[in-house]
């Protein structure tokens, strides 16, 4: 519902810009167009994209007990994940989708056993949940895939400072939880919030 309202509002702005309903609107539109020829800061005023993803900031599927408020960077609750170039023609979003995705930032050899147990329980209930270890140079035990982050670019864009941080993405590829340090209890609580009981 929120996404539909946002699209309608932005479409209304576009229509008023393209076909001004009154003299004042026409004057403003003409000023923006003429200024945009010489000043780049004006161009975003008329090049608004309604195709950007909606952010479900206040969704009931977001975890109330995570560290969302403690992050200083990275996609917040309800936002889509940031697509990071991992290598030439290889992007983070190429490796995600189809169910829940747990991005676990680590340089360790294995995902902690307690987290692996929560993942196994969720899968036993029929939940599609993939664990992606981000940052290790070698395959990480307990992860379905391992993505290197040698230059730390992924950590930086996700606001992660230390190993053990994580993001949980819903099947629609929006963040429903993020932690500076993840433990099994908090992962289970986030899955409970995001899944029908």
Protein backbone atom coordinates (compact mmCIF):
# COMPACT_ATOMS: atom_id res chain seq x y z
CA UNK A 1 0.00 0.00 0.00
CA UNK A 2 2.82 2.40 0.87
CA UNK A 3 4.59 1.65 -2.42
CA UNK A 4 1.40 2.35 -4.39
CA UNK A 5 0.89 5.68 -2.63
CA UNK A 6 4.49 6.68 -3.31
CA UNK A 7 4.19 5.82 -7.02
CA UNK A 8 0.91 7.75 -7.35
CA UNK A 9 2.43 10.78 -5.62
CA UNK A 10 5.54 10.76 -7.83
CA UNK A 11 3.49 10.16 -10.99
CA UNK A 12 1.39 13.19 -10.07
CA UNK A 13 4.52 15.32 -9.81
CA UNK A 14 5.68 14.12 -13.22
CA UNK A 15 2.32 14.89 -14.83
CA UNK A 16 2.23 18.39 -13.33
CA UNK A 17 5.75 18.99 -14.62
CA UNK A 18 5.10 17.72 -18.16
CA UNK A 19 1.67 19.36 -18.53
CA UNK A 20 1.48 22.29 -16.10
CA UNK A 21 -2.10 22.87 -14.91
CA UNK A 22 -1.66 26.62 -14.40
CA UNK A 23 0.61 29.57 -15.15
CA UNK A 24 2.67 29.22 -11.98
CA UNK A 25 3.46 25.58 -12.70
CA UNK A 26 4.46 26.45 -16.29
CA UNK A 27 6.72 29.24 -15.06
CA UNK A 28 8.44 26.92 -12.61
CA UNK A 29 8.84 24.16 -15.20
CA UNK A 30 10.35 26.54 -17.76
CA UNK A 31 12.76 27.93 -15.17
CA UNK A 32 13.92 24.42 -14.22
CA UNK A 33 14.43 23.45 -17.86
CA UNK A 34 16.39 26.58 -18.73
CA UNK A 35 18.55 26.41 -15.58
CA UNK A 36 19.30 22.72 -16.14
CA UNK A 37 21.17 23.54 -19.34
CA UNK A 38 23.89 25.31 -17.33
CA UNK A 39 23.56 23.97 -13.76
CA UNK A 40 23.75 20.25 -12.97
CA UNK A 41 22.17 20.65 -9.50
CA UNK A 42 18.82 21.47 -11.14
CA UNK A 43 18.56 18.31 -13.28
CA UNK A 44 17.33 15.98 -10.51
CA UNK A 45 14.27 18.21 -10.11
CA UNK A 46 12.81 16.89 -13.34
CA UNK A 47 14.53 13.53 -13.70
CA UNK A 48 12.78 11.75 -10.84
CA UNK A 49 12.59 7.97 -11.20
CA UNK A 50 9.45 6.25 -9.96
CA UNK A 51 11.06 2.87 -10.59
CA UNK A 52 13.20 2.96 -7.45
CA UNK A 53 12.32 0.35 -4.82
CA UNK A 54 9.99 1.33 -2.01
CA UNK A 55 11.45 1.16 1.49
CA UNK A 56 9.22 -0.70 3.95
CA UNK A 57 10.62 1.16 6.96
CA UNK A 58 7.67 0.49 9.25
CA UNK A 59 6.82 -3.05 8.15
CA UNK A 60 5.72 -5.48 10.87
CA UNK A 61 8.13 -7.97 9.28
CA UNK A 62 11.13 -5.94 10.46
CA UNK A 63 12.86 -7.16 13.59
CA UNK A 64 12.30 -4.97 16.64
CA UNK A 65 15.22 -6.47 18.57
CA UNK A 66 18.09 -5.99 16.18
CA UNK A 67 20.80 -3.32 15.88
CA UNK A 68 19.21 -1.25 13.11
CA UNK A 69 19.48 2.00 15.09
CA UNK A 70 23.16 1.42 15.88
CA UNK A 71 24.32 1.28 12.26
CA UNK A 72 25.79 4.45 10.74
CA UNK A 73 25.76 3.17 7.15
CA UNK A 74 24.19 0.47 5.03
CA UNK A 75 20.61 -0.35 4.04
CA UNK A 76 18.20 0.03 6.95
CA UNK A 77 14.98 -1.81 7.80
CA UNK A 78 12.78 -2.25 4.76
CA UNK A 79 15.39 -1.02 2.28
CA UNK A 80 16.64 -3.08 -0.65
CA UNK A 81 20.18 -4.43 -0.39
CA UNK A 82 23.01 -2.46 -1.97
CA UNK A 83 24.45 -4.11 -5.04
CA UNK A 84 28.23 -4.35 -4.77
CA UNK A 85 30.61 -5.15 -7.62
CA UNK A 86 32.58 -8.17 -6.39
CA UNK A 87 34.60 -8.74 -9.57
CA UNK A 88 34.28 -7.84 -13.24
CA UNK A 89 30.73 -8.76 -14.29
CA UNK A 90 29.98 -10.24 -10.84
CA UNK A 91 27.66 -8.45 -8.41
CA UNK A 92 26.31 -9.25 -4.96
CA UNK A 93 22.68 -9.38 -6.11
CA UNK A 94 23.64 -12.06 -8.65
CA UNK A 95 24.14 -14.38 -5.66
CA UNK A 96 20.93 -13.57 -3.76
CA UNK A 97 17.23 -14.26 -4.12
CA UNK A 98 14.74 -17.09 -4.08
CA UNK A 99 14.11 -17.03 -0.35
CA UNK A 100 15.55 -15.52 2.81
CA UNK A 101 19.22 -14.56 2.59
CA UNK A 102 21.47 -14.23 5.61
CA UNK A 103 24.57 -12.17 4.80
CA UNK A 104 27.05 -13.11 7.52
CA UNK A 105 30.24 -11.03 7.60
CA UNK A 106 33.14 -13.18 8.77
CA UNK A 107 36.74 -14.11 8.17
CA UNK A 108 36.45 -17.26 10.30
CA UNK A 109 36.55 -20.83 9.01
CA UNK A 110 32.95 -21.58 10.02
CA UNK A 111 29.61 -20.03 10.86
CA UNK A 112 29.02 -20.50 14.63
CA UNK A 113 27.32 -23.80 15.42
CA UNK A 114 24.42 -22.10 17.23
CA UNK A 115 23.59 -20.07 14.11
CA UNK A 116 23.84 -23.17 11.95
CA UNK A 117 21.34 -24.89 14.27
CA UNK A 118 18.79 -22.05 13.84
CA UNK A 119 19.24 -22.20 10.06
CA UNK A 120 18.76 -25.97 10.08
CA UNK A 121 15.55 -25.65 12.15
CA UNK A 122 14.16 -23.04 9.77
CA UNK A 123 14.94 -25.22 6.77
CA UNK A 124 13.27 -28.19 8.49
CA UNK A 125 10.10 -26.06 8.68
CA UNK A 126 10.31 -25.51 4.91
CA UNK A 127 11.84 -22.02 5.00
CA UNK A 128 14.15 -21.27 2.08
CA UNK A 129 17.12 -19.72 3.85
CA UNK A 130 20.54 -19.33 2.27
CA UNK A 131 23.63 -18.33 4.27
CA UNK A 132 26.22 -16.24 2.46
CA UNK A 133 29.55 -15.69 4.21
CA UNK A 134 31.03 -12.34 3.17
CA UNK A 135 34.68 -11.52 3.67
CA UNK A 136 36.51 -14.83 3.98
CA UNK A 137 39.04 -15.81 1.32
CA UNK A 138 38.30 -19.55 1.69
CA UNK A 139 34.95 -21.41 1.83
CA UNK A 140 33.28 -21.04 5.23
CA UNK A 141 31.79 -24.17 6.81
CA UNK A 142 28.06 -23.79 7.42
CA UNK A 143 27.65 -21.21 4.64
CA UNK A 144 26.01 -22.05 1.33
CA UNK A 145 28.39 -19.73 -0.47
CA UNK A 146 31.38 -17.55 0.39
CA UNK A 147 32.05 -14.18 -1.21
CA UNK A 148 35.46 -12.58 -0.76
CA UNK A 149 35.67 -8.91 0.18
CA UNK A 150 39.41 -8.34 -0.04
CA UNK A 151 39.17 -4.56 -0.42
CA UNK A 152 36.50 -4.20 2.30
CA UNK A 153 34.14 -2.47 -0.13
CA UNK A 154 31.16 -4.63 0.84
CA UNK A 155 31.76 -4.09 4.57
CA UNK A 156 31.99 -0.35 4.03
CA UNK A 157 28.78 -0.09 1.98
CA UNK A 158 26.92 -2.19 4.57
CA UNK A 159 28.29 -0.30 7.58
CA UNK A 160 30.01 -3.38 9.03
CA UNK A 161 33.06 -2.79 11.21
CA UNK A 162 33.82 -6.25 12.61
CA UNK A 163 33.25 -9.92 11.90
CA UNK A 164 30.03 -11.40 13.23
CA UNK A 165 27.76 -8.71 11.79
CA UNK A 166 24.86 -9.82 9.60
CA UNK A 167 21.90 -8.79 7.47
CA UNK A 168 18.72 -10.82 6.99
CA UNK A 169 16.93 -10.21 3.69
CA UNK A 170 13.34 -11.21 3.02
CA UNK A 171 12.41 -13.14 -0.15
CA UNK A 172 11.41 -9.81 -1.78
CA UNK A 173 15.01 -8.67 -1.19
CA UNK A 174 14.36 -6.07 1.49
CA UNK A 175 16.23 -5.90 4.80
CA UNK A 176 14.18 -7.19 7.72
CA UNK A 177 16.99 -7.31 10.30
CA UNK A 178 20.62 -6.34 10.73
CA UNK A 179 23.05 -6.85 13.56
CA UNK A 180 26.47 -5.57 14.54
CA UNK A 181 26.90 -8.94 16.26
CA UNK A 182 24.53 -11.82 15.52
CA UNK A 183 23.67 -14.64 17.89
CA UNK A 184 21.23 -17.53 17.58
CA UNK A 185 18.52 -16.02 19.81
CA UNK A 186 18.38 -12.81 17.81
CA UNK A 187 18.33 -14.66 14.48
CA UNK A 188 15.45 -16.82 15.67
CA UNK A 189 13.52 -13.74 16.86
CA UNK A 190 13.97 -12.06 13.47
CA UNK A 191 12.78 -15.17 11.62
CA UNK A 192 9.76 -15.39 13.93
CA UNK A 193 8.89 -11.76 13.16
CA UNK A 194 9.26 -12.21 9.40
CA UNK A 195 7.43 -15.54 9.07
CA UNK A 196 3.78 -16.33 9.64
CA UNK A 197 3.27 -18.30 12.83
